[in-house]
């Protein structure tokens, strides 16, 4: 309820109405009718590629266990994996709704450290990257959050990797342990084509916000 009143105080009514209409459309049309939980149907595109396979995933920047999730559809189909989300406020939601997954409440980068984590009224905008802060939205808090070197976190193979870190995507892939884990599919928000094509990935599909790569070598 507190967040509701803060949203009213910080956004005009037309913006809130548009957001409310989008949320209703997303919930009814995308989730209930189309069966997609991703932002732009990325999960359906990837599901078509994998078919009936039951595999594993790692999602870095998971945000929420179901809403705008690139992996929840696969969880429902029997896949299991690791979800990584630095926002400490969603730990209980993940452990309750997706108890079969391993949940890590940390950030991922190129070294072990603590970084300032900027939090917004709209949690999807939360970021470690100061240059990625959206000036049109209000910061409601800053916390020091633990960061782990991606090479210390990824110690086994996953079929599918989803990355949405609001500014750290390229840094993570540059330091990724490719000899240990070269996923069949990568869904990533940032501009990472130059990194991934060099090691054998090709663009499989593009949506409004993400690019989906498949490994072919």
N, C-alpha and C. Protein backbone atom coordinates (compact mmCIF):
# COMPACT_ATOMS: atom_id res chain seq x y z
N UNK A 1 0.83 -1.21 0.00
CA UNK A 1 0.00 0.00 0.00
C UNK A 1 0.86 1.26 0.00
N UNK A 2 1.98 1.20 0.76
CA UNK A 2 2.88 2.35 0.81
C UNK A 2 3.40 2.67 -0.58
N UNK A 3 3.83 1.65 -1.32
CA UNK A 3 4.34 1.87 -2.68
C UNK A 3 3.26 2.44 -3.60
N UNK A 4 2.01 2.02 -3.39
CA UNK A 4 0.91 2.53 -4.21
C UNK A 4 0.78 4.04 -4.07
N UNK A 5 0.80 4.53 -2.82
CA UNK A 5 0.67 5.97 -2.59
C UNK A 5 1.91 6.73 -3.09
N UNK A 6 3.08 6.09 -3.01
CA UNK A 6 4.29 6.72 -3.52
C UNK A 6 4.23 6.85 -5.04
N UNK A 7 3.68 5.84 -5.70
CA UNK A 7 3.54 5.89 -7.15
C UNK A 7 2.61 7.04 -7.55
N UNK A 8 1.51 7.20 -6.83
CA UNK A 8 0.57 8.28 -7.11
C UNK A 8 1.24 9.64 -6.92
N UNK A 9 2.08 9.73 -5.89
CA UNK A 9 2.73 11.01 -5.58
C UNK A 9 3.82 11.36 -6.59
N UNK A 10 4.38 10.34 -7.27
CA UNK A 10 5.54 10.60 -8.13
C UNK A 10 5.27 10.46 -9.63
N UNK A 11 4.08 9.99 -10.01
CA UNK A 11 3.76 9.84 -11.42
C UNK A 11 2.39 10.45 -11.71
N UNK A 12 2.24 11.02 -12.90
CA UNK A 12 0.94 11.60 -13.24
C UNK A 12 -0.07 10.50 -13.53
N UNK A 13 -1.35 10.86 -13.45
CA UNK A 13 -2.42 9.89 -13.57
C UNK A 13 -2.42 9.18 -14.92
N UNK A 14 -2.13 9.91 -16.00
CA UNK A 14 -2.13 9.29 -17.33
C UNK A 14 -1.07 8.20 -17.44
N UNK A 15 0.10 8.43 -16.85
CA UNK A 15 1.17 7.43 -16.86
C UNK A 15 0.75 6.18 -16.09
N UNK A 16 0.13 6.40 -14.93
CA UNK A 16 -0.32 5.27 -14.11
C UNK A 16 -1.44 4.50 -14.80
N UNK A 17 -2.33 5.21 -15.49
CA UNK A 17 -3.42 4.54 -16.20
C UNK A 17 -2.88 3.67 -17.33
N UNK A 18 -1.91 4.21 -18.08
CA UNK A 18 -1.30 3.44 -19.16
C UNK A 18 -0.61 2.20 -18.61
N UNK A 19 0.08 2.37 -17.49
CA UNK A 19 0.76 1.23 -16.87
C UNK A 19 -0.24 0.19 -16.39
N UNK A 20 -1.36 0.65 -15.84
CA UNK A 20 -2.39 -0.26 -15.36
C UNK A 20 -3.04 -1.04 -16.50
N UNK A 21 -3.32 -0.36 -17.61
CA UNK A 21 -3.90 -1.03 -18.78
C UNK A 21 -2.94 -2.06 -19.34
N UNK A 22 -1.65 -1.69 -19.42
CA UNK A 22 -0.64 -2.63 -19.92
C UNK A 22 -0.57 -3.86 -19.02
N UNK A 23 -0.64 -3.66 -17.71
CA UNK A 23 -0.54 -4.77 -16.77
C UNK A 23 -1.73 -5.72 -16.91
N UNK A 24 -2.91 -5.16 -17.09
CA UNK A 24 -4.10 -6.00 -17.29
C UNK A 24 -3.97 -6.79 -18.59
N UNK A 25 -3.54 -6.11 -19.65
CA UNK A 25 -3.33 -6.77 -20.95
C UNK A 25 -2.30 -7.87 -20.83
N UNK A 26 -1.20 -7.57 -20.15
CA UNK A 26 -0.14 -8.57 -19.97
C UNK A 26 -0.65 -9.79 -19.23
N UNK A 27 -1.38 -9.55 -18.16
CA UNK A 27 -1.85 -10.66 -17.33
C UNK A 27 -2.87 -11.53 -18.06
N UNK A 28 -3.82 -10.90 -18.75
CA UNK A 28 -4.88 -11.67 -19.40
C UNK A 28 -4.42 -12.24 -20.74
N UNK A 29 -3.92 -11.36 -21.63
CA UNK A 29 -3.59 -11.80 -22.99
C UNK A 29 -2.29 -12.62 -23.02
N UNK A 30 -1.23 -12.04 -22.44
CA UNK A 30 0.07 -12.72 -22.56
C UNK A 30 0.16 -13.97 -21.69
N UNK A 31 -0.19 -13.84 -20.41
CA UNK A 31 -0.03 -14.98 -19.50
C UNK A 31 -1.14 -16.02 -19.66
N UNK A 32 -2.40 -15.60 -19.50
CA UNK A 32 -3.50 -16.55 -19.47
C UNK A 32 -3.84 -17.12 -20.84
N UNK A 33 -3.79 -16.28 -21.88
CA UNK A 33 -4.19 -16.74 -23.22
C UNK A 33 -2.99 -17.28 -24.01
N UNK A 34 -1.91 -16.49 -24.08
CA UNK A 34 -0.75 -16.90 -24.88
C UNK A 34 0.22 -17.81 -24.12
N UNK A 35 0.18 -17.76 -22.80
CA UNK A 35 1.06 -18.61 -22.00
C UNK A 35 2.48 -18.12 -21.92
N UNK A 36 2.69 -16.81 -22.05
CA UNK A 36 4.03 -16.23 -22.00
C UNK A 36 4.19 -15.35 -20.77
N UNK A 37 5.37 -15.43 -20.16
CA UNK A 37 5.65 -14.62 -18.97
C UNK A 37 6.75 -13.58 -19.24
N UNK A 38 7.37 -13.66 -20.40
CA UNK A 38 8.45 -12.75 -20.76
C UNK A 38 7.91 -11.37 -21.14
N UNK A 39 8.84 -10.43 -21.32
CA UNK A 39 8.46 -9.07 -21.67
C UNK A 39 7.89 -8.98 -23.08
N UNK A 40 8.49 -9.71 -24.02
CA UNK A 40 8.06 -9.66 -25.42
C UNK A 40 8.02 -11.06 -26.04
N UNK A 41 7.49 -12.03 -25.31
CA UNK A 41 7.31 -13.40 -25.79
C UNK A 41 8.62 -14.13 -26.04
N UNK A 42 9.70 -13.68 -25.40
CA UNK A 42 10.99 -14.36 -25.59
C UNK A 42 10.91 -15.84 -25.18
N UNK A 43 10.17 -16.12 -24.11
CA UNK A 43 10.09 -17.50 -23.64
C UNK A 43 9.42 -18.42 -24.65
N UNK A 44 8.43 -17.92 -25.39
CA UNK A 44 7.78 -18.75 -26.40
C UNK A 44 8.71 -19.03 -27.58
N UNK A 45 9.52 -18.03 -27.93
CA UNK A 45 10.49 -18.22 -29.02
C UNK A 45 11.51 -19.30 -28.63
N UNK A 46 12.00 -19.21 -27.41
CA UNK A 46 13.00 -20.16 -26.93
C UNK A 46 12.39 -21.55 -26.72
N UNK A 47 11.16 -21.59 -26.24
CA UNK A 47 10.47 -22.86 -26.03
C UNK A 47 10.29 -23.61 -27.36
N UNK A 48 10.01 -22.86 -28.42
CA UNK A 48 9.86 -23.48 -29.73
C UNK A 48 11.16 -24.11 -30.18
N UNK A 49 12.28 -23.47 -29.86
CA UNK A 49 13.60 -24.01 -30.23
C UNK A 49 13.89 -25.31 -29.47
N UNK A 50 13.62 -25.33 -28.18
CA UNK A 50 13.93 -26.51 -27.37
C UNK A 50 12.91 -27.64 -27.53
N UNK A 51 11.69 -27.30 -27.90
CA UNK A 51 10.66 -28.33 -28.05
C UNK A 51 10.33 -29.02 -26.74
N UNK A 52 10.37 -30.34 -26.72
CA UNK A 52 9.98 -31.11 -25.53
C UNK A 52 11.13 -31.33 -24.56
N UNK A 53 12.29 -30.81 -24.87
CA UNK A 53 13.45 -31.01 -24.00
C UNK A 53 13.21 -30.45 -22.60
N UNK A 54 13.65 -31.17 -21.60
CA UNK A 54 13.66 -30.67 -20.21
C UNK A 54 15.12 -30.42 -19.86
N UNK A 55 15.46 -29.18 -19.63
CA UNK A 55 16.85 -28.83 -19.39
C UNK A 55 17.04 -27.96 -18.17
N UNK A 56 18.08 -27.14 -18.21
CA UNK A 56 18.42 -26.28 -17.06
C UNK A 56 18.69 -24.86 -17.55
N UNK A 57 18.51 -23.91 -16.66
CA UNK A 57 18.71 -22.51 -17.00
C UNK A 57 19.43 -21.78 -15.87
N UNK A 58 20.02 -20.65 -16.23
CA UNK A 58 20.51 -19.70 -15.23
C UNK A 58 20.03 -18.33 -15.69
N UNK A 59 19.38 -17.63 -14.78
CA UNK A 59 18.84 -16.31 -15.09
C UNK A 59 19.50 -15.27 -14.18
N UNK A 60 20.22 -14.34 -14.79
CA UNK A 60 20.93 -13.30 -14.04
C UNK A 60 20.17 -11.99 -14.21
N UNK A 61 19.65 -11.50 -13.11
CA UNK A 61 18.75 -10.35 -13.14
C UNK A 61 17.33 -10.86 -13.29
N UNK A 62 16.91 -11.70 -12.34
CA UNK A 62 15.64 -12.41 -12.47
C UNK A 62 14.42 -11.54 -12.15
N UNK A 63 14.59 -10.49 -11.36
CA UNK A 63 13.55 -9.50 -11.07
C UNK A 63 12.40 -10.06 -10.24
N UNK A 64 11.63 -10.99 -10.79
CA UNK A 64 10.43 -11.52 -10.13
C UNK A 64 10.25 -12.98 -10.56
N UNK A 65 9.71 -13.84 -9.69
CA UNK A 65 9.60 -15.26 -10.05
C UNK A 65 8.70 -15.55 -11.24
N UNK A 66 7.69 -14.70 -11.50
CA UNK A 66 6.78 -14.95 -12.62
C UNK A 66 6.65 -13.75 -13.56
N UNK A 67 6.55 -12.57 -13.02
CA UNK A 67 6.26 -11.38 -13.83
C UNK A 67 7.49 -10.98 -14.66
N UNK A 68 7.30 -10.84 -15.97
CA UNK A 68 8.38 -10.48 -16.90
C UNK A 68 9.58 -11.42 -16.76
N UNK A 69 9.27 -12.69 -16.54
CA UNK A 69 10.31 -13.70 -16.33
C UNK A 69 10.61 -14.45 -17.62
N UNK A 70 11.89 -14.60 -17.93
CA UNK A 70 12.29 -15.36 -19.11
C UNK A 70 12.43 -16.84 -18.83
N UNK A 71 12.25 -17.26 -17.57
CA UNK A 71 12.47 -18.67 -17.23
C UNK A 71 11.27 -19.35 -16.57
N UNK A 72 10.25 -18.59 -16.15
CA UNK A 72 9.15 -19.22 -15.41
C UNK A 72 8.39 -20.24 -16.26
N UNK A 73 8.21 -19.97 -17.54
CA UNK A 73 7.54 -20.94 -18.41
C UNK A 73 8.26 -22.28 -18.36
N UNK A 74 9.59 -22.24 -18.36
CA UNK A 74 10.39 -23.47 -18.34
C UNK A 74 10.31 -24.15 -16.96
N UNK A 75 10.25 -23.35 -15.92
CA UNK A 75 10.06 -23.91 -14.57
C UNK A 75 8.76 -24.71 -14.52
N UNK A 76 7.69 -24.16 -15.09
CA UNK A 76 6.39 -24.84 -15.11
C UNK A 76 6.44 -26.14 -15.90
N UNK A 77 7.35 -26.19 -16.89
CA UNK A 77 7.47 -27.39 -17.73
C UNK A 77 8.38 -28.45 -17.12
N UNK A 78 8.98 -28.14 -15.98
CA UNK A 78 9.84 -29.12 -15.32
C UNK A 78 11.32 -28.82 -15.33
N UNK A 79 11.71 -27.73 -16.01
CA UNK A 79 13.11 -27.32 -15.97
C UNK A 79 13.45 -26.82 -14.57
N UNK A 80 14.73 -26.86 -14.23
CA UNK A 80 15.20 -26.29 -12.97
C UNK A 80 16.55 -25.61 -13.22
N UNK A 81 16.90 -24.68 -12.34
CA UNK A 81 18.16 -23.98 -12.54
C UNK A 81 18.50 -23.05 -11.40
N UNK A 82 19.27 -22.02 -11.75
CA UNK A 82 19.72 -21.03 -10.78
C UNK A 82 19.20 -19.66 -11.20
N UNK A 83 18.59 -18.95 -10.27
CA UNK A 83 18.13 -17.59 -10.54
C UNK A 83 18.89 -16.64 -9.62
N UNK A 84 19.37 -15.55 -10.20
CA UNK A 84 20.22 -14.60 -9.48
C UNK A 84 19.57 -13.23 -9.53
N UNK A 85 19.30 -12.67 -8.35
CA UNK A 85 18.64 -11.36 -8.29
C UNK A 85 19.12 -10.62 -7.06
N UNK A 86 19.75 -9.45 -7.24
CA UNK A 86 20.32 -8.72 -6.11
C UNK A 86 19.31 -8.02 -5.21
N UNK A 87 18.07 -7.84 -5.67
CA UNK A 87 17.07 -7.16 -4.85
C UNK A 87 16.67 -8.05 -3.67
N UNK A 88 17.05 -7.69 -2.45
CA UNK A 88 16.79 -8.55 -1.30
C UNK A 88 15.31 -8.70 -0.97
N UNK A 89 14.48 -7.82 -1.51
CA UNK A 89 13.06 -7.84 -1.18
C UNK A 89 12.28 -8.96 -1.87
N UNK A 90 12.88 -9.64 -2.85
CA UNK A 90 12.14 -10.68 -3.57
C UNK A 90 12.58 -12.09 -3.21
N UNK A 91 13.51 -12.23 -2.29
CA UNK A 91 13.99 -13.57 -1.90
C UNK A 91 12.83 -14.49 -1.51
N UNK A 92 11.95 -14.02 -0.63
CA UNK A 92 10.86 -14.85 -0.15
C UNK A 92 9.91 -15.26 -1.27
N UNK A 93 9.68 -14.34 -2.22
CA UNK A 93 8.81 -14.67 -3.34
C UNK A 93 9.38 -15.81 -4.17
N UNK A 94 10.68 -15.76 -4.41
CA UNK A 94 11.31 -16.82 -5.20
C UNK A 94 11.31 -18.15 -4.47
N UNK A 95 11.66 -18.13 -3.20
CA UNK A 95 11.72 -19.38 -2.45
C UNK A 95 10.33 -20.00 -2.26
N UNK A 96 9.30 -19.17 -2.25
CA UNK A 96 7.93 -19.67 -2.11
C UNK A 96 7.38 -20.20 -3.43
N UNK A 97 7.54 -19.43 -4.51
CA UNK A 97 6.93 -19.80 -5.79
C UNK A 97 7.80 -20.77 -6.58
N UNK A 98 9.13 -20.64 -6.45
CA UNK A 98 10.03 -21.48 -7.24
C UNK A 98 11.03 -22.19 -6.32
N UNK A 99 10.49 -23.00 -5.44
CA UNK A 99 11.32 -23.69 -4.43
C UNK A 99 12.28 -24.70 -5.06
N UNK A 100 12.01 -25.12 -6.31
CA UNK A 100 12.89 -26.07 -6.97
C UNK A 100 14.14 -25.46 -7.56
N UNK A 101 14.18 -24.14 -7.63
CA UNK A 101 15.36 -23.44 -8.15
C UNK A 101 16.32 -23.08 -7.03
N UNK A 102 17.56 -22.90 -7.40
CA UNK A 102 18.55 -22.33 -6.49
C UNK A 102 18.50 -20.82 -6.64
N UNK A 103 18.27 -20.11 -5.56
CA UNK A 103 18.16 -18.65 -5.62
C UNK A 103 19.36 -18.00 -4.94
N UNK A 104 20.01 -17.08 -5.65
CA UNK A 104 21.15 -16.35 -5.11
C UNK A 104 20.83 -14.87 -5.04
N UNK A 105 20.84 -14.31 -3.86
CA UNK A 105 20.54 -12.89 -3.67
C UNK A 105 21.83 -12.08 -3.70
N UNK A 106 22.40 -11.99 -4.90
CA UNK A 106 23.68 -11.29 -5.10
C UNK A 106 23.66 -10.61 -6.46
N UNK A 107 24.68 -9.81 -6.73
CA UNK A 107 24.94 -9.30 -8.06
C UNK A 107 26.08 -10.10 -8.67
N UNK A 108 26.23 -10.01 -9.97
CA UNK A 108 27.29 -10.73 -10.68
C UNK A 108 28.07 -9.76 -11.55
N UNK A 109 29.40 -9.86 -11.49
CA UNK A 109 30.25 -8.97 -12.29
C UNK A 109 31.58 -9.68 -12.57
N UNK A 110 32.68 -8.91 -12.58
CA UNK A 110 33.99 -9.47 -12.91
C UNK A 110 34.89 -9.69 -11.70
N UNK A 111 34.40 -9.37 -10.50
CA UNK A 111 35.20 -9.58 -9.28
C UNK A 111 34.29 -9.61 -8.06
N UNK A 112 34.84 -10.11 -6.96
CA UNK A 112 34.10 -10.14 -5.70
C UNK A 112 34.21 -8.78 -5.01
N UNK A 113 33.06 -8.24 -4.64
CA UNK A 113 33.06 -6.87 -4.12
C UNK A 113 31.70 -6.56 -3.52
N UNK A 114 31.53 -5.34 -3.09
CA UNK A 114 30.22 -4.79 -2.72
C UNK A 114 30.02 -3.53 -3.55
N UNK A 115 28.85 -3.38 -4.13
CA UNK A 115 28.56 -2.20 -4.94
C UNK A 115 27.26 -1.54 -4.48
N UNK A 116 27.14 -0.26 -4.80
CA UNK A 116 25.90 0.44 -4.51
C UNK A 116 24.82 -0.04 -5.48
N UNK A 117 23.69 -0.40 -4.91
CA UNK A 117 22.55 -0.89 -5.68
C UNK A 117 21.44 0.15 -5.58
N UNK A 118 21.13 0.77 -6.72
CA UNK A 118 20.16 1.86 -6.76
C UNK A 118 18.76 1.29 -6.97
N UNK A 119 17.85 1.62 -6.04
CA UNK A 119 16.50 1.07 -6.05
C UNK A 119 15.48 2.14 -6.42
N UNK A 120 14.50 1.75 -7.24
CA UNK A 120 13.48 2.66 -7.73
C UNK A 120 12.09 2.22 -7.27
N UNK A 121 11.13 3.12 -7.40
CA UNK A 121 9.74 2.76 -7.12
C UNK A 121 9.29 1.63 -8.03
N UNK A 122 9.82 1.62 -9.26
CA UNK A 122 9.56 0.51 -10.19
C UNK A 122 10.80 -0.40 -10.14
N UNK A 123 10.73 -1.53 -9.44
CA UNK A 123 11.92 -2.37 -9.19
C UNK A 123 12.62 -2.87 -10.45
N UNK A 124 11.91 -2.94 -11.56
CA UNK A 124 12.53 -3.41 -12.81
C UNK A 124 13.65 -2.48 -13.26
N UNK A 125 13.68 -1.26 -12.73
CA UNK A 125 14.71 -0.29 -13.10
C UNK A 125 15.93 -0.34 -12.18
N UNK A 126 15.88 -1.13 -11.11
CA UNK A 126 16.99 -1.21 -10.17
C UNK A 126 18.29 -1.56 -10.90
N UNK A 127 19.38 -0.96 -10.46
CA UNK A 127 20.65 -1.17 -11.18
C UNK A 127 21.86 -0.91 -10.29
N UNK A 128 22.97 -1.54 -10.66
CA UNK A 128 24.27 -1.22 -10.05
C UNK A 128 24.98 -0.14 -10.85
N UNK A 129 24.56 0.06 -12.09
CA UNK A 129 25.25 0.95 -13.01
C UNK A 129 24.75 2.38 -12.88
N UNK A 130 25.61 3.26 -12.40
CA UNK A 130 25.21 4.65 -12.19
C UNK A 130 24.84 5.32 -13.50
N UNK A 131 25.52 4.98 -14.59
CA UNK A 131 25.22 5.61 -15.88
C UNK A 131 23.92 5.10 -16.47
N UNK A 132 23.38 4.00 -15.93
CA UNK A 132 22.11 3.46 -16.41
C UNK A 132 20.91 3.96 -15.61
N UNK A 133 21.15 4.87 -14.68
CA UNK A 133 20.06 5.40 -13.87
C UNK A 133 19.15 6.26 -14.74
N UNK A 134 17.87 5.96 -14.70
CA UNK A 134 16.88 6.72 -15.47
C UNK A 134 16.47 7.95 -14.67
N UNK A 135 16.83 9.12 -15.18
CA UNK A 135 16.60 10.37 -14.45
C UNK A 135 15.12 10.72 -14.32
N UNK A 136 14.28 10.04 -15.10
CA UNK A 136 12.84 10.33 -15.05
C UNK A 136 12.12 9.56 -13.94
N UNK A 137 12.88 8.75 -13.21
CA UNK A 137 12.28 7.94 -12.16
C UNK A 137 12.99 8.20 -10.83
N UNK A 138 12.23 8.10 -9.76
CA UNK A 138 12.74 8.43 -8.43
C UNK A 138 13.50 7.27 -7.79
N UNK A 139 14.71 7.55 -7.32
CA UNK A 139 15.46 6.58 -6.53
C UNK A 139 14.89 6.60 -5.11
N UNK A 140 14.53 5.42 -4.60
CA UNK A 140 13.96 5.36 -3.25
C UNK A 140 14.94 4.81 -2.22
N UNK A 141 16.10 4.37 -2.69
CA UNK A 141 17.09 3.87 -1.75
C UNK A 141 18.35 3.39 -2.45
N UNK A 142 19.43 3.36 -1.69
CA UNK A 142 20.70 2.84 -2.18
C UNK A 142 21.25 1.88 -1.13
N UNK A 143 21.58 0.65 -1.54
CA UNK A 143 22.10 -0.35 -0.62
C UNK A 143 23.43 -0.88 -1.12
N UNK A 144 24.29 -1.27 -0.20
CA UNK A 144 25.51 -1.99 -0.58
C UNK A 144 25.17 -3.46 -0.68
N UNK A 145 25.34 -4.01 -1.87
CA UNK A 145 24.97 -5.40 -2.13
C UNK A 145 26.20 -6.19 -2.57
N UNK A 146 26.26 -7.43 -2.14
CA UNK A 146 27.40 -8.28 -2.48
C UNK A 146 27.42 -8.62 -3.97
N UNK A 147 28.61 -8.51 -4.54
CA UNK A 147 28.86 -8.86 -5.95
C UNK A 147 29.82 -10.04 -5.99
N UNK A 148 29.51 -11.01 -6.83
CA UNK A 148 30.40 -12.16 -7.00
C UNK A 148 30.95 -12.20 -8.42
N UNK A 149 32.20 -12.61 -8.54
CA UNK A 149 32.77 -12.85 -9.86
C UNK A 149 31.99 -13.97 -10.54
N UNK A 150 31.55 -13.74 -11.76
CA UNK A 150 30.73 -14.72 -12.45
C UNK A 150 31.42 -16.08 -12.54
N UNK A 151 32.74 -16.08 -12.58
CA UNK A 151 33.47 -17.34 -12.65
C UNK A 151 33.41 -18.14 -11.35
N UNK A 152 33.09 -17.46 -10.26
CA UNK A 152 32.92 -18.15 -8.98
C UNK A 152 31.49 -18.65 -8.79
N UNK A 153 30.59 -18.15 -9.61
CA UNK A 153 29.17 -18.50 -9.49
C UNK A 153 28.78 -19.61 -10.46
N UNK A 154 29.27 -19.50 -11.69
CA UNK A 154 28.92 -20.49 -12.73
C UNK A 154 29.97 -21.59 -12.73
N UNK A 155 29.59 -22.72 -12.16
CA UNK A 155 30.54 -23.84 -12.05
C UNK A 155 30.00 -25.13 -12.68
N UNK A 156 28.96 -25.01 -13.49
CA UNK A 156 28.43 -26.17 -14.21
C UNK A 156 27.72 -25.70 -15.47
N UNK A 157 27.29 -26.67 -16.28
CA UNK A 157 26.65 -26.36 -17.56
C UNK A 157 25.16 -26.04 -17.39
N UNK A 158 24.69 -25.07 -18.16
CA UNK A 158 23.26 -24.76 -18.27
C UNK A 158 22.89 -24.70 -19.75
N UNK A 159 21.70 -25.18 -20.09
CA UNK A 159 21.25 -25.15 -21.49
C UNK A 159 20.89 -23.75 -21.95
N UNK A 160 20.43 -22.94 -21.01
CA UNK A 160 19.84 -21.64 -21.38
C UNK A 160 20.28 -20.57 -20.38
N UNK A 161 20.74 -19.46 -20.92
CA UNK A 161 21.18 -18.33 -20.10
C UNK A 161 20.35 -17.09 -20.45
N UNK A 162 19.79 -16.46 -19.44
CA UNK A 162 19.08 -15.19 -19.61
C UNK A 162 19.78 -14.13 -18.77
N UNK A 163 20.10 -13.00 -19.39
CA UNK A 163 20.77 -11.90 -18.67
C UNK A 163 20.02 -10.59 -18.89
N UNK A 164 19.67 -9.97 -17.78
CA UNK A 164 19.04 -8.64 -17.83
C UNK A 164 19.49 -7.90 -16.58
N UNK A 165 20.59 -7.19 -16.69
CA UNK A 165 21.21 -6.60 -15.49
C UNK A 165 21.28 -5.08 -15.53
N UNK A 166 20.56 -4.46 -16.45
CA UNK A 166 20.54 -3.00 -16.51
C UNK A 166 21.94 -2.39 -16.54
N UNK A 167 22.78 -2.89 -17.45
CA UNK A 167 24.08 -2.26 -17.63
C UNK A 167 25.30 -3.14 -17.47
N UNK A 168 25.14 -4.36 -16.90
CA UNK A 168 26.28 -5.23 -16.65
C UNK A 168 26.35 -6.41 -17.62
N UNK A 169 25.46 -6.47 -18.61
CA UNK A 169 25.38 -7.64 -19.49
C UNK A 169 26.70 -7.93 -20.20
N UNK A 170 27.27 -6.91 -20.81
CA UNK A 170 28.51 -7.09 -21.56
C UNK A 170 29.66 -7.48 -20.65
N UNK A 171 29.75 -6.87 -19.48
CA UNK A 171 30.80 -7.18 -18.51
C UNK A 171 30.73 -8.65 -18.08
N UNK A 172 29.53 -9.13 -17.84
CA UNK A 172 29.34 -10.53 -17.43
C UNK A 172 29.79 -11.48 -18.53
N UNK A 173 29.39 -11.23 -19.77
CA UNK A 173 29.75 -12.13 -20.87
C UNK A 173 31.24 -12.08 -21.19
N UNK A 174 31.86 -10.94 -21.00
CA UNK A 174 33.31 -10.84 -21.22
C UNK A 174 34.08 -11.71 -20.23
N UNK A 175 33.52 -11.94 -19.07
CA UNK A 175 34.19 -12.70 -18.02
C UNK A 175 33.56 -14.08 -17.78
N UNK A 176 32.69 -14.48 -18.67
CA UNK A 176 31.97 -15.75 -18.53
C UNK A 176 32.91 -16.95 -18.67
N UNK A 177 32.74 -18.01 -17.86
CA UNK A 177 33.59 -19.21 -17.97
C UNK A 177 33.13 -20.13 -19.09
N UNK A 178 33.46 -19.78 -20.33
CA UNK A 178 32.94 -20.48 -21.49
C UNK A 178 33.36 -21.95 -21.54
N UNK A 179 34.52 -22.27 -20.98
CA UNK A 179 34.96 -23.67 -21.01
C UNK A 179 34.10 -24.56 -20.14
N UNK A 180 33.48 -23.97 -19.14
CA UNK A 180 32.60 -24.72 -18.24
C UNK A 180 31.16 -24.73 -18.75
N UNK A 181 30.72 -23.58 -19.24
CA UNK A 181 29.31 -23.44 -19.63
C UNK A 181 29.17 -22.63 -20.90
N UNK A 182 28.80 -23.29 -21.98
CA UNK A 182 28.49 -22.61 -23.23
C UNK A 182 27.04 -22.96 -23.58
N UNK A 183 26.08 -22.18 -23.07
CA UNK A 183 24.65 -22.51 -23.24
C UNK A 183 24.24 -22.60 -24.70
N UNK A 184 23.22 -23.42 -24.96
CA UNK A 184 22.71 -23.55 -26.32
C UNK A 184 22.02 -22.26 -26.76
N UNK A 185 21.38 -21.59 -25.80
CA UNK A 185 20.68 -20.33 -26.11
C UNK A 185 21.00 -19.28 -25.06
N UNK A 186 21.21 -18.05 -25.53
CA UNK A 186 21.41 -16.90 -24.63
C UNK A 186 20.41 -15.82 -25.02
N UNK A 187 19.67 -15.35 -24.03
CA UNK A 187 18.76 -14.23 -24.22
C UNK A 187 19.32 -13.06 -23.41
N UNK A 188 19.64 -11.96 -24.08
CA UNK A 188 20.34 -10.88 -23.40
C UNK A 188 19.77 -9.53 -23.85
N UNK A 189 19.70 -8.59 -22.91
CA UNK A 189 19.13 -7.28 -23.21
C UNK A 189 20.16 -6.34 -23.85
N UNK A 190 21.38 -6.37 -23.36
CA UNK A 190 22.40 -5.42 -23.82
C UNK A 190 22.95 -5.75 -25.20
N UNK A 191 23.76 -4.85 -25.73
CA UNK A 191 24.39 -5.02 -27.05
C UNK A 191 25.64 -5.88 -26.89
N UNK A 192 25.52 -7.17 -27.21
CA UNK A 192 26.61 -8.12 -26.97
C UNK A 192 26.95 -8.95 -28.22
N UNK A 193 26.45 -8.56 -29.37
CA UNK A 193 26.63 -9.35 -30.58
C UNK A 193 28.10 -9.56 -30.91
N UNK A 194 28.93 -8.52 -30.75
CA UNK A 194 30.35 -8.63 -31.10
C UNK A 194 31.06 -9.65 -30.23
N UNK A 195 30.63 -9.81 -29.00
CA UNK A 195 31.24 -10.79 -28.10
C UNK A 195 30.81 -12.20 -28.47
N UNK A 196 29.51 -12.39 -28.67
CA UNK A 196 28.96 -13.73 -28.84
C UNK A 196 29.23 -14.34 -30.21
N UNK A 197 29.23 -13.53 -31.26
CA UNK A 197 29.47 -14.09 -32.59
C UNK A 197 30.91 -14.60 -32.74
N UNK A 198 31.82 -14.03 -31.99
CA UNK A 198 33.23 -14.46 -32.06
C UNK A 198 33.43 -15.87 -31.51
N UNK A 199 32.52 -16.31 -30.65
CA UNK A 199 32.70 -17.64 -30.04
C UNK A 199 31.68 -18.66 -30.54
N UNK A 200 31.03 -18.33 -31.67
CA UNK A 200 30.19 -19.33 -32.31
C UNK A 200 28.69 -19.16 -32.19
N UNK A 201 28.24 -18.04 -31.67
CA UNK A 201 26.80 -17.80 -31.58
C UNK A 201 26.32 -17.00 -32.79
N UNK A 202 25.06 -17.21 -33.14
CA UNK A 202 24.42 -16.40 -34.17
C UNK A 202 23.10 -15.86 -33.63
N UNK A 203 22.65 -14.77 -34.22
CA UNK A 203 21.37 -14.20 -33.81
C UNK A 203 20.25 -15.11 -34.30
N UNK A 204 19.44 -15.56 -33.37
CA UNK A 204 18.32 -16.45 -33.68
C UNK A 204 17.01 -15.66 -33.82
N UNK A 205 16.86 -14.65 -32.94
CA UNK A 205 15.66 -13.81 -32.98
C UNK A 205 15.93 -12.51 -32.23
N UNK A 206 15.17 -11.48 -32.59
CA UNK A 206 15.26 -10.20 -31.89
C UNK A 206 13.85 -9.76 -31.51
N UNK A 207 13.73 -9.21 -30.31
CA UNK A 207 12.47 -8.63 -29.88
C UNK A 207 12.74 -7.15 -29.60
N UNK A 208 11.74 -6.47 -29.10
CA UNK A 208 11.88 -5.05 -28.83
C UNK A 208 13.03 -4.76 -27.87
N UNK A 209 13.22 -5.63 -26.87
CA UNK A 209 14.20 -5.35 -25.82
C UNK A 209 15.35 -6.35 -25.73
N UNK A 210 15.24 -7.49 -26.37
CA UNK A 210 16.23 -8.54 -26.21
C UNK A 210 16.68 -9.14 -27.53
N UNK A 211 17.88 -9.73 -27.49
CA UNK A 211 18.36 -10.52 -28.63
C UNK A 211 18.58 -11.94 -28.15
N UNK A 212 18.16 -12.90 -28.95
CA UNK A 212 18.31 -14.32 -28.61
C UNK A 212 19.36 -14.92 -29.54
N UNK A 213 20.38 -15.51 -28.94
CA UNK A 213 21.49 -16.12 -29.69
C UNK A 213 21.46 -17.63 -29.52
N UNK A 214 21.86 -18.35 -30.56
CA UNK A 214 22.01 -19.81 -30.45
C UNK A 214 23.46 -20.17 -30.79
N UNK A 215 23.95 -21.22 -30.12
CA UNK A 215 25.33 -21.68 -30.36
C UNK A 215 25.29 -22.75 -31.43
N UNK A 216 26.16 -22.61 -32.46
CA UNK A 216 26.10 -23.51 -33.59
C UNK A 216 27.39 -24.24 -33.91
N UNK A 217 28.46 -24.03 -33.15
CA UNK A 217 29.72 -24.69 -33.47
C UNK A 217 29.89 -25.95 -32.63
